[in-house]
Protein backbone atom coordinates (compact mmCIF):
# COMPACT_ATOMS: atom_id res chain seq x y z
CA MET A 1 0.00 0.00 0.00
CA ASP A 2 1.11 3.51 -0.51
CA ARG A 3 1.63 5.95 2.36
CA ALA A 4 -1.51 7.98 1.64
CA LYS A 5 -3.78 4.92 1.93
CA LEU A 6 -2.04 3.79 5.11
CA GLY A 7 -2.46 7.27 6.57
CA MET A 8 -6.18 7.24 5.82
CA ILE A 9 -6.58 3.77 7.38
CA MET A 10 -4.74 4.88 10.51
CA LYS A 11 -6.91 7.98 10.84
CA ALA A 12 -10.02 5.88 10.29
CA CYS A 13 -8.98 3.72 13.26
CA ILE A 14 -7.61 6.37 15.58
CA ILE A 15 -10.48 8.86 15.37
CA PRO A 16 -13.24 6.40 16.49
CA HIS A 17 -10.88 5.01 19.14
CA ASN A 18 -10.34 8.48 20.61
CA MET A 19 -14.07 9.21 20.43
CA ILE A 20 -14.85 6.04 22.39
CA ILE A 21 -12.19 6.82 25.01
CA GLU A 22 -13.49 10.36 25.42
CA ASP A 23 -17.08 9.15 25.71
CA GLU A 24 -16.28 6.48 28.31
CA GLN A 25 -13.65 8.29 30.39
CA ASN A 26 -16.13 9.38 33.06
CA SER A 27 -17.80 5.99 33.36
CA TYR A 28 -14.87 4.30 35.10
CA ASP A 29 -15.34 3.80 38.83
CA HIS A 30 -11.67 4.04 39.62
CA ALA A 31 -8.37 3.71 37.86
CA PHE A 32 -6.37 0.51 38.15
CA ASP A 33 -3.77 0.64 40.91
CA TYR A 34 -0.60 -0.81 39.42
CA ASP A 35 1.18 -0.65 42.78
CA HIS A 36 -1.27 -3.10 44.35
CA VAL A 37 -1.47 -6.48 42.66
CA GLU A 38 -3.31 -9.44 44.11
CA ASP A 39 -1.42 -12.57 45.09
CA SER A 40 -3.71 -14.75 43.02
CA ILE A 41 -2.12 -13.92 39.67
CA PRO A 42 -1.31 -17.19 37.89
CA HIS A 43 2.27 -17.77 36.81
CA PRO A 44 2.82 -18.03 33.05
CA ILE A 45 3.19 -21.48 31.54
CA VAL A 46 6.47 -21.72 29.65
CA ARG A 47 7.03 -24.66 27.35
CA HIS A 48 10.42 -25.53 25.97
CA ASP A 49 9.32 -28.22 23.55
CA HIS A 50 8.42 -27.24 19.99
CA HIS A 51 4.97 -27.64 18.56
CA PRO A 52 4.95 -29.56 15.23
CA CYS A 53 3.28 -26.69 13.38
CA TYR A 54 6.21 -24.40 14.22
CA ALA A 55 8.71 -26.91 12.86
CA LEU A 56 6.77 -27.09 9.58
CA TYR A 57 6.52 -23.31 9.45
CA LEU A 58 10.25 -22.87 10.00
CA ARG A 59 11.08 -25.44 7.31
CA ARG A 60 8.89 -23.53 4.86
CA VAL A 61 10.53 -20.22 5.75
CA VAL A 62 13.97 -21.72 5.21
CA GLN A 63 12.85 -23.16 1.88
CA ILE A 64 11.58 -19.76 0.74
CA TYR A 65 14.64 -17.77 1.80
CA ASP A 66 17.38 -20.31 1.17
CA PRO A 67 16.36 -23.28 -1.03
CA ASP A 68 19.94 -24.66 -1.01
CA LEU A 69 20.00 -24.83 2.78
CA HIS A 70 16.60 -26.54 2.82
CA ALA A 71 17.96 -29.36 0.65
CA HIS A 72 20.37 -30.25 3.49
CA LEU A 73 17.71 -30.34 6.22
């Protein structure tokens, strides 16, 4: 896309967003207190094994960018 179209798309998104924020700003009971966080926040689950779809995706990326390297995999 050219810059002019991207600029129009961004304005089309930002203007309604700002209108919604302005309309709803007085309806909040209280702002979130970032200094006080409950102890019941779950810890993130981190996996170190690779999902098969990622392996396939990475093989395809390698094939697109370096077909000679893909022949050796």
